Amino acid sequence: ERIQLFEFSEKAAAQEFICDHINCFRGEGSHGVILFLY
């Protein structure tokens, strides 16, 4: 219920966004695998 969606139509922009928020996927307690699955 706390997930927010960010949509990208350019691959480079998506990669930059993920790079900027990489700790949301690799930080302990981040639920990174679930976020990636969603």
PDB file of all heavy atoms in Angstrom:
ATOM      1  N   GLU A   1       0.812  -1.215   0.000  1.00  0.00           N
ATOM      2  CA  GLU A   1       0.000   0.000   0.000  1.00  0.00           C
ATOM      3  C   GLU A   1       0.855   1.279   0.000  1.00  0.00           C
ATOM      4  O   GLU A   1       0.336   2.372  -0.193  1.00  0.00           O
ATOM      5  CB  GLU A   1      -0.997   0.010   1.167  1.00  0.00           C
ATOM      6  CG  GLU A   1      -0.378  -0.101   2.530  1.00  0.00           C
ATOM      7  CD  GLU A   1      -0.135  -1.540   2.987  1.00  0.00           C
ATOM      8  OE1 GLU A   1      -0.306  -2.478   2.195  1.00  0.00           O
ATOM      9  OE2 GLU A   1       0.228  -1.715   4.164  1.00  0.00           O
ATOM     10  N   ARG A   2       2.164   1.151   0.177  1.00  0.00           N
ATOM     11  CA  ARG A   2       3.057   2.312   0.169  1.00  0.00           C
ATOM     12  C   ARG A   2       3.899   2.410  -1.109  1.00  0.00           C
ATOM     13  O   ARG A   2       4.772   3.261  -1.213  1.00  0.00           O
ATOM     14  CB  ARG A   2       3.983   2.262   1.385  1.00  0.00           C
ATOM     15  CG  ARG A   2       3.236   2.381   2.695  1.00  0.00           C
ATOM     16  CD  ARG A   2       4.141   2.472   3.908  1.00  0.00           C
ATOM     17  NE  ARG A   2       5.052   1.345   4.018  1.00  0.00           N
ATOM     18  CZ  ARG A   2       6.376   1.468   4.145  1.00  0.00           C
ATOM     19  NH1 ARG A   2       6.943   2.648   4.173  1.00  0.00           N
ATOM     20  NH2 ARG A   2       7.135   0.406   4.250  1.00  0.00           N
ATOM     21  N   ILE A   3       3.629   1.553  -2.085  1.00  0.00           N
ATOM     22  CA  ILE A   3       4.408   1.558  -3.319  1.00  0.00           C
ATOM     23  C   ILE A   3       3.957   2.682  -4.238  1.00  0.00           C
ATOM     24  O   ILE A   3       2.763   2.907  -4.430  1.00  0.00           O
ATOM     25  CB  ILE A   3       4.295   0.193  -4.035  1.00  0.00           C
ATOM     26  CG1 ILE A   3       5.093  -0.844  -3.258  1.00  0.00           C
ATOM     27  CG2 ILE A   3       4.784   0.286  -5.472  1.00  0.00           C
ATOM     28  CD1 ILE A   3       5.035  -2.233  -3.825  1.00  0.00           C
ATOM     29  N   GLN A   4       4.944   3.386  -4.771  1.00  0.00           N
ATOM     30  CA  GLN A   4       4.681   4.434  -5.757  1.00  0.00           C
ATOM     31  C   GLN A   4       5.323   4.002  -7.074  1.00  0.00           C
ATOM     32  O   GLN A   4       6.434   3.470  -7.096  1.00  0.00           O
ATOM     33  CB  GLN A   4       5.256   5.770  -5.307  1.00  0.00           C
ATOM     34  CG  GLN A   4       4.903   6.905  -6.241  1.00  0.00           C
ATOM     35  CD  GLN A   4       5.302   8.255  -5.682  1.00  0.00           C
ATOM     36  OE1 GLN A   4       5.803   8.374  -4.576  1.00  0.00           O
ATOM     37  NE2 GLN A   4       5.061   9.289  -6.459  1.00  0.00           N
ATOM     38  N   LEU A   5       4.608   4.230  -8.183  1.00  0.00           N
ATOM     39  CA  LEU A   5       5.075   3.822  -9.504  1.00  0.00           C
ATOM     40  C   LEU A   5       5.697   5.001 -10.241  1.00  0.00           C
ATOM     41  O   LEU A   5       5.158   6.107 -10.214  1.00  0.00           O
ATOM     42  CB  LEU A   5       3.916   3.276 -10.337  1.00  0.00           C
ATOM     43  CG  LEU A   5       3.066   2.173  -9.711  1.00  0.00           C
ATOM     44  CD1 LEU A   5       1.955   1.765 -10.668  1.00  0.00           C
ATOM     45  CD2 LEU A   5       3.915   0.986  -9.342  1.00  0.00           C
ATOM     46  N   PHE A   6       6.817   4.718 -10.919  1.00  0.00           N
ATOM     47  CA  PHE A   6       7.488   5.707 -11.756  1.00  0.00           C
ATOM     48  C   PHE A   6       7.641   5.076 -13.135  1.00  0.00           C
ATOM     49  O   PHE A   6       8.299   4.050 -13.274  1.00  0.00           O
ATOM     50  CB  PHE A   6       8.858   6.071 -11.179  1.00  0.00           C
ATOM     51  CG  PHE A   6       8.783   6.663  -9.793  1.00  0.00           C
ATOM     52  CD1 PHE A   6       8.789   5.843  -8.670  1.00  0.00           C
ATOM     53  CD2 PHE A   6       8.695   8.033  -9.618  1.00  0.00           C
ATOM     54  CE1 PHE A   6       8.718   6.371  -7.394  1.00  0.00           C
ATOM     55  CE2 PHE A   6       8.618   8.577  -8.346  1.00  0.00           C
ATOM     56  CZ  PHE A   6       8.627   7.748  -7.229  1.00  0.00           C
ATOM     57  N   GLU A   7       7.035   5.694 -14.148  1.00  0.00           N
ATOM     58  CA  GLU A   7       7.041   5.120 -15.487  1.00  0.00           C
ATOM     59  C   GLU A   7       8.005   5.889 -16.384  1.00  0.00           C
ATOM     60  O   GLU A   7       8.060   7.119 -16.341  1.00  0.00           O
ATOM     61  CB  GLU A   7       5.641   5.157 -16.093  1.00  0.00           C
ATOM     62  CG  GLU A   7       5.552   4.411 -17.395  1.00  0.00           C
ATOM     63  CD  GLU A   7       4.126   4.236 -17.885  1.00  0.00           C
ATOM     64  OE1 GLU A   7       3.189   4.487 -17.106  1.00  0.00           O
ATOM     65  OE2 GLU A   7       3.960   3.839 -19.041  1.00  0.00           O
ATOM     66  N   PHE A   8       8.764   5.136 -17.205  1.00  0.00           N
ATOM     67  CA  PHE A   8       9.755   5.719 -18.097  1.00  0.00           C
ATOM     68  C   PHE A   8       9.562   5.195 -19.508  1.00  0.00           C
ATOM     69  O   PHE A   8       9.326   4.009 -19.703  1.00  0.00           O
ATOM     70  CB  PHE A   8      11.174   5.383 -17.615  1.00  0.00           C
ATOM     71  CG  PHE A   8      11.484   5.961 -16.266  1.00  0.00           C
ATOM     72  CD1 PHE A   8      11.183   5.256 -15.109  1.00  0.00           C
ATOM     73  CD2 PHE A   8      12.050   7.219 -16.156  1.00  0.00           C
ATOM     74  CE1 PHE A   8      11.450   5.792 -13.860  1.00  0.00           C
ATOM     75  CE2 PHE A   8      12.318   7.765 -14.907  1.00  0.00           C
ATOM     76  CZ  PHE A   8      12.012   7.056 -13.758  1.00  0.00           C
ATOM     77  N   SER A   9       9.696   6.098 -20.475  1.00  0.00           N
ATOM     78  CA  SER A   9       9.607   5.703 -21.880  1.00  0.00           C
ATOM     79  C   SER A   9      10.975   5.743 -22.556  1.00  0.00           C
ATOM     80  O   SER A   9      11.086   5.465 -23.738  1.00  0.00           O
ATOM     81  CB  SER A   9       8.612   6.592 -22.630  1.00  0.00           C
ATOM     82  OG  SER A   9       9.004   7.940 -22.521  1.00  0.00           O
ATOM     83  N   GLU A  10      12.012   6.088 -21.793  1.00  0.00           N
ATOM     84  CA  GLU A  10      13.383   6.078 -22.288  1.00  0.00           C
ATOM     85  C   GLU A  10      14.231   5.233 -21.360  1.00  0.00           C
ATOM     86  O   GLU A  10      14.234   5.439 -20.142  1.00  0.00           O
ATOM     87  CB  GLU A  10      13.950   7.491 -22.361  1.00  0.00           C
ATOM     88  CG  GLU A  10      13.249   8.375 -23.368  1.00  0.00           C
ATOM     89  CD  GLU A  10      13.825   9.786 -23.389  1.00  0.00           C
ATOM     90  OE1 GLU A  10      14.869  10.018 -22.740  1.00  0.00           O
ATOM     91  OE2 GLU A  10      13.229  10.636 -24.041  1.00  0.00           O
ATOM     92  N   LYS A  11      14.945   4.289 -21.935  1.00  0.00           N
ATOM     93  CA  LYS A  11      15.749   3.352 -21.152  1.00  0.00           C
ATOM     94  C   LYS A  11      16.827   4.073 -20.335  1.00  0.00           C
ATOM     95  O   LYS A  11      17.042   3.744 -19.164  1.00  0.00           O
ATOM     96  CB  LYS A  11      16.382   2.313 -22.067  1.00  0.00           C
ATOM     97  CG  LYS A  11      17.116   1.223 -21.328  1.00  0.00           C
ATOM     98  CD  LYS A  11      17.660   0.173 -22.284  1.00  0.00           C
ATOM     99  CE  LYS A  11      18.418  -0.899 -21.541  1.00  0.00           C
ATOM    100  NZ  LYS A  11      19.006  -1.887 -22.455  1.00  0.00           N
ATOM    101  N   ALA A  12      17.498   5.058 -20.934  1.00  0.00           N
ATOM    102  CA  ALA A  12      18.563   5.775 -20.225  1.00  0.00           C
ATOM    103  C   ALA A  12      18.020   6.498 -18.993  1.00  0.00           C
ATOM    104  O   ALA A  12      18.671   6.517 -17.945  1.00  0.00           O
ATOM    105  CB  ALA A  12      19.241   6.763 -21.174  1.00  0.00           C
ATOM    106  N   ALA A  13      16.841   7.075 -19.102  1.00  0.00           N
ATOM    107  CA  ALA A  13      16.230   7.766 -17.963  1.00  0.00           C
ATOM    108  C   ALA A  13      15.872   6.784 -16.852  1.00  0.00           C
ATOM    109  O   ALA A  13      16.052   7.081 -15.671  1.00  0.00           O
ATOM    110  CB  ALA A  13      14.995   8.537 -18.417  1.00  0.00           C
ATOM    111  N   ALA A  14      15.377   5.611 -17.235  1.00  0.00           N
ATOM    112  CA  ALA A  14      15.055   4.583 -16.246  1.00  0.00           C
ATOM    113  C   ALA A  14      16.312   4.122 -15.522  1.00  0.00           C
ATOM    114  O   ALA A  14      16.313   3.968 -14.291  1.00  0.00           O
ATOM    115  CB  ALA A  14      14.367   3.399 -16.924  1.00  0.00           C
ATOM    116  N   GLN A  15      17.393   3.916 -16.270  1.00  0.00           N
ATOM    117  CA  GLN A  15      18.639   3.463 -15.651  1.00  0.00           C
ATOM    118  C   GLN A  15      19.206   4.528 -14.718  1.00  0.00           C
ATOM    119  O   GLN A  15      19.681   4.212 -13.628  1.00  0.00           O
ATOM    120  CB  GLN A  15      19.668   3.091 -16.715  1.00  0.00           C
ATOM    121  CG  GLN A  15      20.925   2.484 -16.110  1.00  0.00           C
ATOM    122  CD  GLN A  15      21.796   1.799 -17.136  1.00  0.00           C
ATOM    123  OE1 GLN A  15      21.322   1.358 -18.183  1.00  0.00           O
ATOM    124  NE2 GLN A  15      23.076   1.699 -16.840  1.00  0.00           N
ATOM    125  N   GLU A  16      19.137   5.772 -15.115  1.00  0.00           N
ATOM    126  CA  GLU A  16      19.616   6.853 -14.253  1.00  0.00           C
ATOM    127  C   GLU A  16      18.790   6.921 -12.966  1.00  0.00           C
ATOM    128  O   GLU A  16      19.329   7.102 -11.873  1.00  0.00           O
ATOM    129  CB  GLU A  16      19.546   8.192 -14.996  1.00  0.00           C
ATOM    130  CG  GLU A  16      20.088   9.350 -14.205  1.00  0.00           C
ATOM    131  CD  GLU A  16      20.057  10.660 -14.971  1.00  0.00           C
ATOM    132  OE1 GLU A  16      19.952  10.638 -16.208  1.00  0.00           O
ATOM    133  OE2 GLU A  16      20.126  11.715 -14.313  1.00  0.00           O
ATOM    134  N   PHE A  17      17.465   6.752 -13.088  1.00  0.00           N
ATOM    135  CA  PHE A  17      16.585   6.766 -11.917  1.00  0.00           C
ATOM    136  C   PHE A  17      16.934   5.618 -10.970  1.00  0.00           C
ATOM    137  O   PHE A  17      17.040   5.813  -9.760  1.00  0.00           O
ATOM    138  CB  PHE A  17      15.125   6.672 -12.362  1.00  0.00           C
ATOM    139  CG  PHE A  17      14.143   6.749 -11.231  1.00  0.00           C
ATOM    140  CD1 PHE A  17      13.754   7.975 -10.724  1.00  0.00           C
ATOM    141  CD2 PHE A  17      13.595   5.594 -10.685  1.00  0.00           C
ATOM    142  CE1 PHE A  17      12.841   8.056  -9.672  1.00  0.00           C
ATOM    143  CE2 PHE A  17      12.687   5.661  -9.640  1.00  0.00           C
ATOM    144  CZ  PHE A  17      12.311   6.896  -9.129  1.00  0.00           C
ATOM    145  N   ILE A  18      17.126   4.429 -11.521  1.00  0.00           N
ATOM    146  CA  ILE A  18      17.486   3.277 -10.679  1.00  0.00           C
ATOM    147  C   ILE A  18      18.838   3.519 -10.027  1.00  0.00           C
ATOM    148  O   ILE A  18      19.024   3.232  -8.838  1.00  0.00           O
ATOM    149  CB  ILE A  18      17.468   1.964 -11.479  1.00  0.00           C
ATOM    150  CG1 ILE A  18      16.031   1.599 -11.851  1.00  0.00           C
ATOM    151  CG2 ILE A  18      18.112   0.832 -10.685  1.00  0.00           C
ATOM    152  CD1 ILE A  18      15.901   0.368 -12.737  1.00  0.00           C
ATOM    153  N   CYS A  19      19.788   4.044 -10.777  1.00  0.00           N
ATOM    154  CA  CYS A  19      21.116   4.344 -10.228  1.00  0.00           C
ATOM    155  C   CYS A  19      20.992   5.315  -9.040  1.00  0.00           C
ATOM    156  O   CYS A  19      21.634   5.116  -8.005  1.00  0.00           O
ATOM    157  CB  CYS A  19      21.996   4.944 -11.310  1.00  0.00           C
ATOM    158  SG  CYS A  19      23.603   4.188 -11.443  1.00  0.00           S
ATOM    159  N   ASP A  20      20.173   6.333  -9.201  1.00  0.00           N
ATOM    160  CA  ASP A  20      19.969   7.323  -8.144  1.00  0.00           C
ATOM    161  C   ASP A  20      19.286   6.729  -6.917  1.00  0.00           C
ATOM    162  O   ASP A  20      19.432   7.248  -5.806  1.00  0.00           O
ATOM    163  CB  ASP A  20      19.138   8.504  -8.653  1.00  0.00           C
ATOM    164  CG  ASP A  20      19.885   9.375  -9.646  1.00  0.00           C
ATOM    165  OD1 ASP A  20      21.125   9.252  -9.753  1.00  0.00           O
ATOM    166  OD2 ASP A  20      19.221  10.177 -10.342  1.00  0.00           O
ATOM    167  N   HIS A  21      18.503   5.651  -7.110  1.00  0.00           N
ATOM    168  CA  HIS A  21      17.744   5.033  -6.021  1.00  0.00           C
ATOM    169  C   HIS A  21      18.198   3.586  -5.773  1.00  0.00           C
ATOM    170  O   HIS A  21      17.412   2.770  -5.292  1.00  0.00           O
ATOM    171  CB  HIS A  21      16.248   5.072  -6.345  1.00  0.00           C
ATOM    172  CG  HIS A  21      15.707   6.452  -6.439  1.00  0.00           C
ATOM    173  ND1 HIS A  21      15.707   7.167  -7.620  1.00  0.00           N
ATOM    174  CD2 HIS A  21      15.184   7.278  -5.499  1.00  0.00           C
ATOM    175  CE1 HIS A  21      15.197   8.367  -7.391  1.00  0.00           C
ATOM    176  NE2 HIS A  21      14.871   8.461  -6.117  1.00  0.00           N
ATOM    177  N   ILE A  22      19.449   3.279  -6.070  1.00  0.00           N
ATOM    178  CA  ILE A  22      19.923   1.899  -6.005  1.00  0.00           C
ATOM    179  C   ILE A  22      19.820   1.318  -4.597  1.00  0.00           C
ATOM    180  O   ILE A  22      19.580   0.119  -4.434  1.00  0.00           O
ATOM    181  CB  ILE A  22      21.363   1.769  -6.573  1.00  0.00           C
ATOM    182  CG1 ILE A  22      21.675   0.306  -6.916  1.00  0.00           C
ATOM    183  CG2 ILE A  22      22.397   2.362  -5.623  1.00  0.00           C
ATOM    184  CD1 ILE A  22      20.840  -0.282  -8.014  1.00  0.00           C
ATOM    185  N   ASN A  23      19.944   2.144  -3.571  1.00  0.00           N
ATOM    186  CA  ASN A  23      19.843   1.623  -2.202  1.00  0.00           C
ATOM    187  C   ASN A  23      18.439   1.156  -1.854  1.00  0.00           C
ATOM    188  O   ASN A  23      18.248   0.421  -0.894  1.00  0.00           O
ATOM    189  CB  ASN A  23      20.347   2.641  -1.186  1.00  0.00           C
ATOM    190  CG  ASN A  23      21.863   2.734  -1.221  1.00  0.00           C
ATOM    191  OD1 ASN A  23      22.542   1.767  -1.572  1.00  0.00           O
ATOM    192  ND2 ASN A  23      22.392   3.888  -0.888  1.00  0.00           N
ATOM    193  N   CYS A  24      17.445   1.555  -2.652  1.00  0.00           N
ATOM    194  CA  CYS A  24      16.086   1.051  -2.464  1.00  0.00           C
ATOM    195  C   CYS A  24      15.990  -0.418  -2.868  1.00  0.00           C
ATOM    196  O   CYS A  24      15.033  -1.103  -2.507  1.00  0.00           O
ATOM    197  CB  CYS A  24      15.093   1.873  -3.285  1.00  0.00           C
ATOM    198  SG  CYS A  24      14.955   3.585  -2.750  1.00  0.00           S
ATOM    199  N   PHE A  25      16.971  -0.902  -3.609  1.00  0.00           N
ATOM    200  CA  PHE A  25      16.998  -2.294  -4.034  1.00  0.00           C
ATOM    201  C   PHE A  25      18.090  -3.090  -3.331  1.00  0.00           C
ATOM    202  O   PHE A  25      17.990  -4.293  -3.198  1.00  0.00           O
ATOM    203  CB  PHE A  25      17.207  -2.384  -5.557  1.00  0.00           C
ATOM    204  CG  PHE A  25      16.090  -1.790  -6.342  1.00  0.00           C
ATOM    205  CD1 PHE A  25      16.162  -0.483  -6.816  1.00  0.00           C
ATOM    206  CD2 PHE A  25      14.936  -2.518  -6.586  1.00  0.00           C
ATOM    207  CE1 PHE A  25      15.123   0.073  -7.532  1.00  0.00           C
ATOM    208  CE2 PHE A  25      13.881  -1.967  -7.302  1.00  0.00           C
ATOM    209  CZ  PHE A  25      13.982  -0.664  -7.771  1.00  0.00           C
ATOM    210  N   ARG A  26      19.145  -2.429  -2.879  1.00  0.00           N
ATOM    211  CA  ARG A  26      20.259  -3.167  -2.307  1.00  0.00           C
ATOM    212  C   ARG A  26      20.494  -2.905  -0.817  1.00  0.00           C
ATOM    213  O   ARG A  26      21.410  -3.448  -0.235  1.00  0.00           O
ATOM    214  CB  ARG A  26      21.534  -2.922  -3.105  1.00  0.00           C
ATOM    215  CG  ARG A  26      22.102  -1.532  -2.970  1.00  0.00           C
ATOM    216  CD  ARG A  26      23.293  -1.319  -3.841  1.00  0.00           C
ATOM    217  NE  ARG A  26      24.503  -1.807  -3.217  1.00  0.00           N
ATOM    218  CZ  ARG A  26      25.690  -1.749  -3.771  1.00  0.00           C
ATOM    219  NH1 ARG A  26      25.848  -1.246  -4.958  1.00  0.00           N
ATOM    220  NH2 ARG A  26      26.741  -2.196  -3.139  1.00  0.00           N
ATOM    221  N   GLY A  27      19.668  -2.097  -0.206  1.00  0.00           N
ATOM    222  CA  GLY A  27      19.830  -1.829   1.214  1.00  0.00           C
ATOM    223  C   GLY A  27      19.122  -2.863   2.075  1.00  0.00           C
ATOM    224  O   GLY A  27      18.035  -3.330   1.733  1.00  0.00           O
ATOM    225  N   GLU A  28      19.737  -3.215   3.176  1.00  0.00           N
ATOM    226  CA  GLU A  28      19.117  -4.173   4.085  1.00  0.00           C
ATOM    227  C   GLU A  28      17.791  -3.603   4.581  1.00  0.00           C
ATOM    228  O   GLU A  28      17.690  -2.432   4.929  1.00  0.00           O
ATOM    229  CB  GLU A  28      20.043  -4.451   5.275  1.00  0.00           C
ATOM    230  CG  GLU A  28      19.563  -5.571   6.144  1.00  0.00           C
ATOM    231  CD  GLU A  28      20.593  -6.001   7.188  1.00  0.00           C
ATOM    232  OE1 GLU A  28      21.709  -5.475   7.190  1.00  0.00           O
ATOM    233  OE2 GLU A  28      20.243  -6.878   7.996  1.00  0.00           O
ATOM    234  N   GLY A  29      16.748  -4.420   4.564  1.00  0.00           N
ATOM    235  CA  GLY A  29      15.419  -3.981   4.976  1.00  0.00           C
ATOM    236  C   GLY A  29      14.669  -3.222   3.896  1.00  0.00           C
ATOM    237  O   GLY A  29      13.584  -2.701   4.147  1.00  0.00           O
ATOM    238  N   SER A  30      15.216  -3.167   2.691  1.00  0.00           N
ATOM    239  CA  SER A  30      14.614  -2.384   1.611  1.00  0.00           C
ATOM    240  C   SER A  30      13.507  -3.121   0.861  1.00  0.00           C
ATOM    241  O   SER A  30      12.789  -2.502   0.080  1.00  0.00           O
ATOM    242  CB  SER A  30      15.693  -1.995   0.593  1.00  0.00           C
ATOM    243  OG  SER A  30      16.174  -3.153  -0.076  1.00  0.00           O
ATOM    244  N   HIS A  31      13.379  -4.429   1.061  1.00  0.00           N
ATOM    245  CA  HIS A  31      12.438  -5.256   0.298  1.00  0.00           C
ATOM    246  C   HIS A  31      12.766  -5.200  -1.195  1.00  0.00           C
ATOM    247  O   HIS A  31      11.883  -5.255  -2.043  1.00  0.00           O
ATOM    248  CB  HIS A  31      10.982  -4.817   0.513  1.00  0.00           C
ATOM    249  CG  HIS A  31      10.569  -4.695   1.939  1.00  0.00           C
ATOM    250  ND1 HIS A  31      10.359  -5.794   2.734  1.00  0.00           N
ATOM    251  CD2 HIS A  31      10.350  -3.617   2.721  1.00  0.00           C
ATOM    252  CE1 HIS A  31      10.015  -5.393   3.949  1.00  0.00           C
ATOM    253  NE2 HIS A  31      10.004  -4.081   3.966  1.00  0.00           N
ATOM    254  N   GLY A  32      14.057  -5.095  -1.509  1.00  0.00           N
ATOM    255  CA  GLY A  32      14.502  -4.875  -2.873  1.00  0.00           C
ATOM    256  C   GLY A  32      14.020  -5.884  -3.890  1.00  0.00           C
ATOM    257  O   GLY A  32      13.659  -5.519  -5.014  1.00  0.00           O
ATOM    258  N   VAL A  33      13.983  -7.167  -3.523  1.00  0.00           N
ATOM    259  CA  VAL A  33      13.550  -8.191  -4.479  1.00  0.00           C
ATOM    260  C   VAL A  33      12.048  -8.070  -4.741  1.00  0.00           C
ATOM    261  O   VAL A  33      11.607  -8.201  -5.883  1.00  0.00           O
ATOM    262  CB  VAL A  33      13.942  -9.605  -3.996  1.00  0.00           C
ATOM    263  CG1 VAL A  33      13.393 -10.677  -4.930  1.00  0.00           C
ATOM    264  CG2 VAL A  33      15.465  -9.725  -3.906  1.00  0.00           C
ATOM    265  N   ILE A  34      11.274  -7.784  -3.713  1.00  0.00           N
ATOM    266  CA  ILE A  34       9.828  -7.590  -3.895  1.00  0.00           C
ATOM    267  C   ILE A  34       9.570  -6.369  -4.783  1.00  0.00           C
ATOM    268  O   ILE A  34       8.746  -6.421  -5.695  1.00  0.00           O
ATOM    269  CB  ILE A  34       9.101  -7.439  -2.544  1.00  0.00           C
ATOM    270  CG1 ILE A  34       9.169  -8.746  -1.749  1.00  0.00           C
ATOM    271  CG2 ILE A  34       7.651  -7.012  -2.753  1.00  0.00           C
ATOM    272  CD1 ILE A  34       8.611  -8.650  -0.343  1.00  0.00           C
ATOM    273  N   LEU A  35      10.294  -5.281  -4.539  1.00  0.00           N
ATOM    274  CA  LEU A  35      10.125  -4.083  -5.366  1.00  0.00           C
ATOM    275  C   LEU A  35      10.457  -4.379  -6.818  1.00  0.00           C
ATOM    276  O   LEU A  35       9.769  -3.908  -7.728  1.00  0.00           O
ATOM    277  CB  LEU A  35      11.005  -2.947  -4.855  1.00  0.00           C
ATOM    278  CG  LEU A  35      10.601  -2.330  -3.523  1.00  0.00           C
ATOM    279  CD1 LEU A  35      11.611  -1.265  -3.107  1.00  0.00           C
ATOM    280  CD2 LEU A  35       9.204  -1.749  -3.605  1.00  0.00           C
ATOM    281  N   PHE A  36      11.502  -5.156  -7.044  1.00  0.00           N
ATOM    282  CA  PHE A  36      11.862  -5.512  -8.416  1.00  0.00           C
ATOM    283  C   PHE A  36      10.789  -6.393  -9.041  1.00  0.00           C
ATOM    284  O   PHE A  36      10.428  -6.208 -10.201  1.00  0.00           O
ATOM    285  CB  PHE A  36      13.231  -6.193  -8.451  1.00  0.00           C
ATOM    286  CG  PHE A  36      13.654  -6.586  -9.825  1.00  0.00           C
ATOM    287  CD1 PHE A  36      13.862  -5.633 -10.805  1.00  0.00           C
ATOM    288  CD2 PHE A  36      13.830  -7.915 -10.155  1.00  0.00           C
ATOM    289  CE1 PHE A  36      14.242  -6.000 -12.095  1.00  0.00           C
ATOM    290  CE2 PHE A  36      14.215  -8.292 -11.428  1.00  0.00           C
ATOM    291  CZ  PHE A  36      14.418  -7.323 -12.401  1.00  0.00           C
ATOM    292  N   LEU A  37      10.238  -7.333  -8.278  1.00  0.00           N
ATOM    293  CA  LEU A  37       9.171  -8.194  -8.791  1.00  0.00           C
ATOM    294  C   LEU A  37       7.946  -7.356  -9.174  1.00  0.00           C
ATOM    295  O   LEU A  37       7.379  -7.533 -10.255  1.00  0.00           O
ATOM    296  CB  LEU A  37       8.796  -9.259  -7.762  1.00  0.00           C
ATOM    297  CG  LEU A  37       7.665 -10.202  -8.156  1.00  0.00           C
ATOM    298  CD1 LEU A  37       8.023 -10.995  -9.414  1.00  0.00           C
ATOM    299  CD2 LEU A  37       7.353 -11.147  -6.999  1.00  0.00           C
ATOM    300  N   TYR A  38       7.545  -6.436  -8.312  1.00  0.00           N
ATOM    301  CA  TYR A  38       6.433  -5.538  -8.644  1.00  0.00           C
ATOM    302  C   TYR A  38       6.761  -4.718  -9.895  1.00  0.00           C
ATOM    303  O   TYR A  38       5.914  -4.522 -10.764  1.00  0.00           O
ATOM    304  CB  TYR A  38       6.128  -4.594  -7.483  1.00  0.00           C
ATOM    305  CG  TYR A  38       5.199  -5.143  -6.432  1.00  0.00           C
ATOM    306  CD1 TYR A  38       5.451  -4.946  -5.079  1.00  0.00           C
ATOM    307  CD2 TYR A  38       4.045  -5.840  -6.777  1.00  0.00           C
ATOM    308  CE1 TYR A  38       4.594  -5.423  -4.105  1.00  0.00           C
ATOM    309  CE2 TYR A  38       3.182  -6.323  -5.805  1.00  0.00           C
ATOM    310  CZ  TYR A  38       3.463  -6.119  -4.478  1.00  0.00           C
ATOM    311  OH  TYR A  38       2.616  -6.589  -3.521  1.00  0.00           O
TER     312      TYR A  38
END
